Protein backbone atom coordinates (compact mmCIF):
# COMPACT_ATOMS: atom_id res chain seq x y z
CA MET A 1 4.83 36.89 -17.56
CA ARG A 2 6.64 36.17 -20.52
CA PRO A 3 3.74 36.24 -23.46
CA ILE A 4 1.70 33.66 -24.88
CA LYS A 5 2.42 32.59 -27.99
CA PRO A 6 -0.74 30.41 -30.10
CA VAL A 7 0.24 27.35 -32.03
CA ARG A 8 -2.73 25.79 -33.86
CA ALA A 9 -2.80 22.02 -33.84
CA SER A 10 -5.29 19.56 -35.69
CA LEU A 11 -6.93 17.61 -32.84
CA THR A 12 -9.75 15.96 -35.52
CA LYS A 13 -10.18 15.24 -38.91
CA SER A 14 -13.07 17.67 -38.94
CA SER A 15 -12.01 20.46 -36.70
CA ALA A 16 -8.78 22.32 -34.87
CA VAL A 17 -8.69 24.74 -31.93
CA ASP A 18 -5.69 27.32 -31.35
CA LEU A 19 -3.39 26.36 -28.39
CA LEU A 20 -2.00 28.55 -26.12
CA ILE A 21 1.97 27.33 -25.45
CA ARG A 22 4.28 29.44 -23.67
CA PRO A 23 7.56 29.65 -25.42
CA ASP A 24 9.67 29.31 -22.21
CA MET A 25 7.59 26.10 -21.68
CA LEU A 26 10.54 23.59 -21.80
CA PHE A 27 10.34 19.60 -21.63
CA TYR A 28 13.17 17.23 -20.22
CA GLY A 29 12.61 14.48 -22.53
CA PRO A 30 13.23 10.93 -21.35
CA GLY A 31 16.42 9.54 -21.63
CA GLU A 32 17.53 13.00 -23.73
CA ALA A 33 20.39 15.35 -22.42
CA SER A 34 18.79 18.49 -24.12
CA LEU A 35 15.89 20.50 -23.51
CA ILE A 36 13.25 21.06 -26.56
CA ARG A 37 10.33 22.97 -27.00
CA MET A 38 7.56 22.00 -25.91
CA ASP A 39 4.13 22.58 -28.45
CA PHE A 40 0.82 20.50 -27.63
CA GLN A 41 1.69 17.32 -30.13
CA THR A 42 5.44 16.97 -28.76
CA THR A 43 4.07 17.26 -25.30
CA LYS A 44 1.63 14.64 -25.39
CA ASP A 45 3.81 12.44 -27.40
CA GLU A 46 6.84 12.54 -24.65
CA LEU A 47 4.35 12.44 -21.69
CA ILE A 48 2.58 9.01 -22.65
CA HIS A 49 6.43 8.38 -23.15
CA LEU A 50 7.10 8.85 -20.10
CA VAL A 51 4.12 7.16 -18.55
CA TYR A 52 5.62 3.75 -19.73
CA ASP A 53 9.36 5.04 -18.36
CA CYS A 54 8.13 5.16 -15.12
CA VAL A 55 6.26 1.91 -15.43
CA LEU A 56 9.79 -0.09 -16.45
CA GLY A 57 11.75 1.97 -13.35
CA ASN A 58 13.62 4.50 -15.84
CA HIS A 59 11.71 7.78 -14.29
CA SER A 60 9.96 8.60 -11.80
CA TRP A 61 6.81 9.36 -11.28
CA GLN A 62 7.77 12.55 -9.63
CA PHE A 63 9.59 12.98 -12.51
CA PHE A 64 6.55 12.66 -14.74
CA LEU A 65 4.54 15.10 -12.62
CA ASP A 66 7.44 17.86 -12.13
CA GLN A 67 6.87 17.93 -16.43
CA LEU A 68 2.83 17.41 -16.53
CA SER A 69 2.88 20.54 -14.47
CA LYS A 70 3.86 22.77 -17.01
CA CYS A 71 1.37 22.29 -19.45
CA LEU A 72 -0.28 24.96 -17.30
CA ASN A 73 1.11 28.18 -16.07
CA ASP A 74 2.76 28.00 -12.72
CA GLY A 75 1.26 24.47 -13.16
CA LYS A 76 0.60 22.16 -9.27
CA ALA A 77 0.34 18.43 -10.25
CA THR A 78 -0.76 15.41 -8.16
CA LEU A 79 -1.70 11.96 -7.79
CA PHE A 80 -3.61 10.82 -5.17
CA PHE A 81 -6.02 8.85 -3.54
CA HIS A 82 -9.50 10.03 -1.98
CA ASP A 83 -12.19 8.13 -0.42
CA GLU A 84 -15.50 10.35 -0.75
CA ARG A 85 -17.56 7.90 1.72
CA ALA A 86 -14.68 8.75 4.63
CA GLY A 87 -14.29 12.34 3.55
CA SER A 88 -10.80 11.78 3.48
CA GLY A 89 -7.63 11.89 1.07
CA ALA A 90 -4.10 12.66 0.84
CA PHE A 91 -1.76 14.42 -1.85
CA THR A 92 0.55 11.12 -2.22
CA ILE A 93 2.79 12.39 -5.42
CA THR A 94 2.99 15.52 -5.81
CA SER A 95 5.07 18.58 -7.96
CA GLY A 96 5.20 22.22 -6.90
CA ILE A 97 3.03 21.84 -3.71
CA GLU A 98 4.99 22.98 -0.27
CA GLU A 99 4.83 20.40 2.54
CA LYS A 100 3.11 22.74 4.55
CA TYR A 101 -0.12 22.51 2.23
CA LEU A 102 0.33 18.79 2.01
CA GLN A 103 -0.30 18.25 5.53
CA GLN A 104 -2.99 20.51 5.95
CA TYR A 105 -4.39 19.06 2.95
CA SER A 106 -4.11 15.65 4.72
CA GLU A 107 -5.51 16.37 8.37
CA TYR A 108 -8.49 19.02 7.30
CA TYR A 109 -9.18 20.31 3.72
CA SER A 110 -9.33 16.75 2.23
CA ALA A 111 -12.61 16.37 4.02
CA VAL A 112 -14.14 20.11 2.93
CA ASN A 113 -12.53 20.05 -0.56
CA PRO A 114 -16.00 21.53 -3.13
CA TRP A 115 -14.52 19.90 -5.97
CA MET A 116 -14.19 16.20 -4.58
CA PRO A 117 -18.00 15.32 -5.02
CA GLY A 118 -17.84 16.19 -8.61
CA ALA A 119 -14.94 14.12 -9.32
CA ALA A 120 -16.24 11.24 -7.17
CA THR A 121 -19.46 11.19 -9.66
CA ARG A 122 -17.84 12.46 -12.85
CA GLN A 123 -17.05 10.30 -15.93
CA LEU A 124 -14.17 7.58 -15.20
CA GLY A 125 -12.08 8.68 -17.60
CA LEU A 126 -13.07 11.79 -18.62
CA ALA A 127 -10.80 15.07 -17.90
CA VAL A 128 -12.66 18.20 -17.19
CA SER A 129 -11.84 21.38 -15.80
CA ALA A 130 -12.30 22.88 -11.92
CA ASP A 131 -15.37 24.75 -13.30
CA TYR A 132 -17.38 21.06 -14.54
CA MET A 133 -17.20 20.10 -10.90
CA LEU A 134 -18.09 23.25 -9.16
CA ALA A 135 -18.99 26.91 -10.42
CA LYS A 136 -16.47 29.49 -10.30
CA ASP A 137 -18.89 31.61 -8.06
CA ALA A 138 -19.71 29.01 -5.40
CA LEU A 139 -16.06 27.92 -5.69
CA ARG A 140 -14.71 31.31 -4.75
CA LYS A 141 -17.53 31.32 -1.51
CA THR A 142 -15.94 27.71 0.30
CA GLU A 143 -13.36 28.06 3.40
CA TYR A 144 -11.13 25.94 0.90
CA TYR A 145 -10.79 28.75 -1.78
CA ALA A 146 -10.42 30.90 0.82
CA ASP A 147 -7.63 29.31 3.20
CA PHE A 148 -6.50 26.98 1.30
CA LEU A 149 -6.25 27.56 -2.68
CA GLN A 150 -5.68 31.54 -2.26
CA PRO A 151 -2.62 31.67 -0.27
CA GLN A 152 -0.85 28.80 -3.01
CA GLU A 153 -2.17 31.66 -5.49
CA ILE A 154 -4.36 28.77 -7.15
CA ARG A 155 -7.49 29.90 -8.82
CA SER A 156 -8.63 26.58 -11.16
CA ALA A 157 -7.40 23.23 -12.24
CA ILE A 158 -7.85 20.24 -14.51
CA GLY A 159 -8.34 16.56 -13.45
CA VAL A 160 -9.23 13.29 -14.12
CA THR A 161 -10.65 10.32 -12.27
CA ILE A 162 -8.22 7.28 -13.34
CA TRP A 163 -9.75 5.15 -11.08
CA ARG A 164 -12.94 3.85 -8.91
CA GLU A 165 -14.02 1.24 -6.65
CA GLU A 166 -16.78 1.93 -4.81
CA SER A 167 -16.19 5.49 -3.07
CA ARG A 168 -12.63 5.29 -4.01
CA ASN A 169 -11.03 7.11 -6.61
CA LEU A 170 -7.63 7.49 -8.00
CA LEU A 171 -7.00 11.26 -9.46
CA LEU A 172 -4.70 13.24 -11.27
CA SER A 173 -5.08 17.09 -11.15
CA VAL A 174 -2.72 20.11 -12.08
CA THR A 175 -3.57 23.43 -10.61
CA THR A 176 -2.74 27.19 -11.93
CA GLY A 177 -3.22 30.39 -11.00
CA ASP A 178 -3.71 31.34 -14.64
CA GLU A 179 -7.67 31.45 -15.29
CA ASN A 180 -6.50 31.42 -19.32
CA GLU A 181 -9.62 29.78 -20.91
CA SER A 182 -7.09 28.21 -24.07
CA GLN A 183 -4.47 27.07 -21.72
CA ILE A 184 -7.21 25.22 -19.50
CA ALA A 185 -8.34 23.60 -22.81
CA GLU A 186 -4.83 22.59 -23.82
CA GLY A 187 -4.04 20.67 -20.52
CA MET A 188 -7.19 19.21 -20.58
CA LEU A 189 -6.79 17.74 -24.04
CA ILE A 190 -3.61 16.56 -22.74
CA LEU A 191 -4.88 14.70 -19.55
CA GLN A 192 -7.22 13.34 -21.95
CA ALA A 193 -4.59 11.85 -24.09
CA LEU A 194 -2.86 10.35 -20.86
CA VAL A 195 -5.72 8.80 -19.28
CA PRO A 196 -5.71 5.19 -21.69
CA HIS A 197 -1.94 5.15 -20.75
CA LEU A 198 -2.13 5.76 -16.88
CA ALA A 199 -4.89 3.37 -16.72
CA LYS A 200 -2.64 0.81 -18.01
CA ALA A 201 -0.24 1.53 -15.74
CA PHE A 202 -2.15 1.63 -12.88
CA SER A 203 -3.75 -1.72 -13.99
CA LEU A 204 0.02 -3.51 -14.57
CA TYR A 205 0.73 -2.07 -10.91
CA ARG A 206 -2.24 -3.86 -9.49
CA LYS A 207 -1.73 -7.16 -10.59
CA LYS A 208 1.37 -7.20 -9.01
CA LYS A 209 1.03 -9.12 -5.82
CA GLN A 210 2.79 -7.63 -3.41
CA HIS A 211 4.96 -3.95 -2.87
CA GLY A 212 7.43 -3.56 -0.36
CA GLY A 213 6.95 -4.47 3.50
CA LEU A 214 7.07 -7.95 4.89
CA GLN A 215 6.74 -10.35 1.74
CA LEU A 216 4.91 -13.90 1.86
CA SER A 217 8.36 -15.45 1.38
CA GLN A 218 9.75 -13.82 4.82
CA VAL A 219 6.69 -15.22 6.96
CA PRO A 220 7.54 -18.88 8.38
CA SER A 221 5.34 -21.59 8.33
CA GLU A 222 4.52 -21.44 11.85
CA LEU A 223 2.68 -18.43 11.29
CA GLY A 224 -0.27 -17.22 9.36
CA PHE A 225 0.45 -14.42 6.82
CA ILE A 226 -2.48 -12.64 5.11
CA SER A 227 -2.52 -9.69 3.01
CA ILE A 228 -5.90 -7.67 2.47
CA HIS A 229 -6.92 -5.10 -0.18
CA GLU A 230 -9.63 -2.68 -0.59
CA ASN A 231 -12.60 -3.57 0.86
CA ARG A 232 -11.15 -6.43 2.66
CA THR A 233 -10.37 -8.25 -0.04
CA VAL A 234 -7.86 -10.87 0.68
CA LYS A 235 -5.18 -10.85 -1.91
CA GLN A 236 -2.38 -13.39 -0.75
CA MET A 237 -2.45 -15.84 2.48
CA ASN A 238 -0.43 -18.82 3.40
CA HIS A 239 -1.58 -22.52 3.82
CA PHE A 240 -1.06 -22.13 7.59
CA ALA A 241 -3.30 -18.91 7.09
CA LYS A 242 -5.79 -20.70 4.67
CA LYS A 243 -6.42 -23.28 7.47
CA LEU A 244 -7.25 -20.87 9.97
CA LEU A 245 -9.95 -18.68 7.21
CA THR A 246 -11.36 -22.39 6.44
CA LEU A 247 -12.09 -23.11 10.15
CA GLY A 248 -13.88 -20.39 10.34
CA ASP A 249 -13.03 -19.73 14.00
CA GLY A 250 -12.09 -16.17 15.22
CA ILE A 251 -11.22 -15.10 11.03
CA TRP A 252 -13.26 -15.70 8.24
CA ILE A 253 -14.06 -15.12 4.51
CA ASP A 254 -17.88 -14.11 4.07
CA ALA A 255 -19.57 -14.75 1.06
CA MET A 256 -18.74 -11.51 -0.79
CA GLY A 257 -14.92 -12.27 0.06
CA LYS A 258 -14.40 -10.01 2.72
CA PHE A 259 -11.85 -10.56 5.66
CA CYS A 260 -14.05 -10.91 9.21
CA SER A 261 -13.41 -11.42 12.55
CA SER A 262 -15.41 -12.04 15.80
CA GLU A 263 -12.95 -9.18 17.05
CA ALA A 264 -14.74 -5.92 16.08
CA SER A 265 -12.17 -3.67 16.44
CA LEU A 266 -9.63 -5.74 14.30
CA VAL A 267 -12.00 -4.84 11.44
CA GLU A 268 -11.91 -1.33 12.17
CA CYS A 269 -8.36 -1.05 12.25
CA ILE A 270 -7.88 -3.12 9.14
CA VAL A 271 -10.12 -0.44 7.59
CA HIS A 272 -8.57 2.61 9.29
CA GLN A 273 -4.75 1.34 8.07
CA MET A 274 -6.14 1.44 4.23
CA SER A 275 -7.44 4.90 4.66
CA PRO A 276 -6.46 7.21 2.58
CA ARG A 277 -5.42 9.51 5.23
CA GLN A 278 -3.56 6.76 7.22
CA ILE A 279 -1.48 5.50 4.41
CA LYS A 280 0.04 9.48 4.12
CA GLN A 281 0.78 9.34 7.73
CA HIS A 282 2.59 6.86 9.97
CA GLN A 283 1.24 3.77 10.84
CA THR A 284 1.12 1.84 14.07
CA ASN A 285 1.92 -1.96 14.26
CA PRO A 286 -1.14 -2.86 16.64
CA MET A 287 -1.63 -6.63 17.86
CA PHE A 288 -5.21 -8.44 18.25
CA VAL A 289 -6.13 -11.56 20.42
CA VAL A 290 -9.39 -13.14 18.91
CA ARG A 291 -10.99 -15.19 20.71
CA ARG A 292 -12.24 -18.73 19.39
CA ARG A 293 -15.14 -20.97 20.14
CA LEU A 294 -13.57 -24.15 19.28
CA ASN A 295 -10.44 -23.28 20.44
CA GLN A 296 -9.66 -22.38 24.16
CA PHE A 297 -6.51 -20.54 23.00
CA PRO A 298 -6.80 -17.42 21.01
CA LEU A 299 -5.18 -16.26 17.87
CA ARG A 300 -2.78 -13.22 18.04
CA ILE A 301 -2.86 -10.99 15.03
CA HIS A 302 -0.27 -8.28 14.23
CA ILE A 303 -1.44 -5.70 11.39
CA ALA A 304 2.28 -5.72 9.98
CA PRO A 305 3.33 -1.90 8.62
CA SER A 306 2.86 -1.76 5.33
CA PRO A 307 3.53 2.33 4.58
CA ILE A 308 3.15 3.40 0.75
CA THR A 309 5.98 5.28 0.69
CA SER A 310 6.91 3.88 -2.77
CA GLU A 311 5.21 5.53 -6.06
CA LEU A 312 5.21 1.35 -7.05
CA GLY A 313 2.82 1.40 -3.83
CA PHE A 314 0.80 4.29 -4.47
CA PHE A 315 -0.08 2.95 -7.63
CA ALA A 316 -0.65 -0.66 -6.11
CA GLY A 317 -3.45 1.04 -3.56
CA PRO A 318 -3.73 0.19 0.28
CA GLU A 319 -2.61 -2.89 1.23
CA CYS A 320 -3.09 -4.33 5.19
CA LYS A 321 -0.82 -7.40 5.89
CA MET A 322 -1.61 -9.50 8.78
CA VAL A 323 0.73 -11.53 10.87
CA ILE A 324 -1.13 -14.72 13.15
CA GLU A 325 0.33 -16.71 15.66
CA ASP A 326 -1.93 -19.49 16.54
CA LEU A 327 -1.39 -19.57 20.66
CA SER A 328 -2.56 -23.08 20.69
CA ALA A 329 0.48 -24.60 18.56
CA PRO A 330 3.46 -25.91 20.34
CA PRO A 331 6.83 -23.66 21.14
CA LEU A 332 9.51 -22.96 18.82
CA LEU A 333 12.95 -23.40 19.55
CA ASP A 334 16.20 -21.96 18.52
CA LEU A 335 17.49 -25.20 18.47
CA ASN A 336 20.96 -24.40 16.81
CA THR A 337 21.70 -22.00 19.77
CA MET A 338 20.47 -24.68 22.29
CA ARG A 339 22.55 -27.02 20.90
CA LYS A 340 25.68 -25.06 20.93
CA PHE A 341 24.91 -23.90 24.51
CA TYR A 342 24.68 -27.59 25.63
CA SER A 343 27.08 -29.10 22.88
CA LEU A 344 24.26 -31.40 21.75
CA THR A 345 23.99 -33.30 19.17
CA GLU A 346 21.09 -32.51 15.95
CA ALA A 347 19.48 -35.55 16.69
CA GLU A 348 19.19 -34.64 20.84
CA ALA A 349 17.98 -31.22 19.92
CA ARG A 350 15.41 -32.76 18.14
CA ILE A 351 14.46 -34.98 20.77
CA VAL A 352 14.65 -32.08 23.30
CA ARG A 353 12.25 -30.34 20.91
CA ASP A 354 9.68 -33.05 21.15
CA PHE A 355 9.31 -33.46 24.55
CA VAL A 356 8.88 -29.37 25.01
CA HIS A 357 5.87 -30.16 22.73
CA GLY A 358 4.69 -32.96 24.78
CA GLY A 359 5.47 -36.25 23.35
CA THR A 360 6.28 -39.23 25.18
CA VAL A 361 9.40 -41.70 24.98
CA ALA A 362 7.06 -43.49 22.49
CA ASP A 363 6.33 -40.48 20.27
CA VAL A 364 10.00 -39.57 20.31
CA ALA A 365 11.14 -43.02 19.28
CA ARG A 366 8.34 -43.21 16.77
CA ARG A 367 9.24 -39.67 14.93
CA ALA A 368 13.05 -40.71 14.98
CA HIS A 369 12.66 -44.06 13.87
CA ILE A 370 14.25 -45.37 16.37
CA THR A 371 13.98 -48.29 19.44
CA GLN A 372 12.05 -46.81 22.85
CA ASN A 373 15.33 -48.12 24.37
CA THR A 374 17.69 -45.94 22.27
CA ALA A 375 15.26 -42.67 23.02
CA ARG A 376 16.09 -43.55 26.16
CA VAL A 377 19.47 -43.68 25.89
CA HIS A 378 19.79 -40.36 24.12
CA LEU A 379 17.61 -38.69 26.92
CA LYS A 380 20.27 -39.55 29.66
CA ASN A 381 22.87 -38.51 27.47
CA ILE A 382 20.87 -35.29 27.07
CA TYR A 383 20.60 -35.15 31.00
CA ALA A 384 24.14 -35.45 31.37
CA LYS A 385 24.69 -32.43 29.17
CA MET A 386 22.10 -30.27 30.42
CA GLY A 387 22.93 -31.14 34.06
CA VAL A 388 19.59 -32.13 34.82
CA SER A 389 17.72 -35.41 36.06
CA ARG A 390 14.19 -35.15 35.35
CA GLN A 391 12.24 -34.81 32.04
CA ALA A 392 10.46 -31.70 33.65
CA SER A 393 13.65 -30.21 34.09
CA MET A 394 14.55 -30.49 31.22
CA VAL A 395 11.55 -29.15 29.52
CA GLN A 396 12.07 -26.30 31.55
CA LEU A 397 15.63 -25.36 30.45
CA ALA A 398 14.79 -25.63 26.82
CA ARG A 399 12.04 -23.74 26.65
CA ALA A 400 14.51 -20.48 27.96
CA PHE A 401 15.48 -20.91 23.95
CA GLU A 402 11.99 -20.34 22.86
CA VAL A 403 11.62 -17.82 20.11
CA ASN A 404 8.83 -15.75 18.69
CA PRO A 405 8.80 -16.72 15.19
CA TYR A 406 6.86 -13.07 14.90
CA THR A 407 9.37 -11.22 16.35
CA GLN A 408 11.94 -12.24 14.33
CA LEU A 409 10.34 -11.19 11.61
CA LEU A 410 10.62 -7.20 12.65
């Protein structure tokens, strides 16, 4: 290890501390082509600038963590969520941590991390050292230290809680194998300087309506779409879903603004899909049938894949998207394909659709703004083109062109 060079930096008008900077600590500034030597002020200013560069898309948050990790000797940095109540978490964006340790943490060690109880209760936005959350002697007696930290040569860490909602926390942490107190103190000061800027970045991401995956604009009007955020709060929905929620039959929003359903397993799935551990892992695409009291036809609800694979999605937080089919709704036909197959005109194809939806000659005439006699003439021409002689046979053939609007989204 190279020798450590002390650098004196003024922190307040009345006090100063000795900050220890390694001469080999180099920082690649955003948008610059050369390496510059890191000292405290340069490190702080460059990292703050880099936060906003990441928000604008000029750099990745991975790059940000790569640079932040250099504030500690052999540093390993991570941005991650942890749910203290569920006892689960996952290192989502990291620097310097091997993949096998990421998997071990997600599958087991997040639940036994002895630093997390302190992280979940410490003051929001306060940068602290590992000793603040758990005494060093107590840490070294834990399974977490012996089987997870020691193999990575990690002996200490600094961290800060950027955001908290109930038991969910967004944390930034840098670990190190070097317990030099001056280095730890300097790293804490750097984290503390970054906190308000990271909080702003996080807030900007959270205000965006959607982040990847299925988008509201992609969902046809025949389907309901609901985007659910933390605590089952509805973040976004289309008009069809709003009608179903307002009706309150099978699905509804309670007085606390939370999504509810008569199908308990659906609610359990939503909570599970948004847990930190599940977010990191591959998500399934389950389907639920929800019974209704006022309608003999149930709702079919699909949990659309919404993996947080992008950095933007990570900051936006967990999101569960649902697509809802009302099975009492008339079938949707691929009119264009049917029209071409039977050489129907557009008007004839619409008439076939109306009959499939249960309409009568009078209904068809009224919708098409034609007389009933004209509707019967159209019907006769349709029979000839489709090779049938009865309305029931026409409807049966037409239903072969029935499409599921949900499967078209996949």
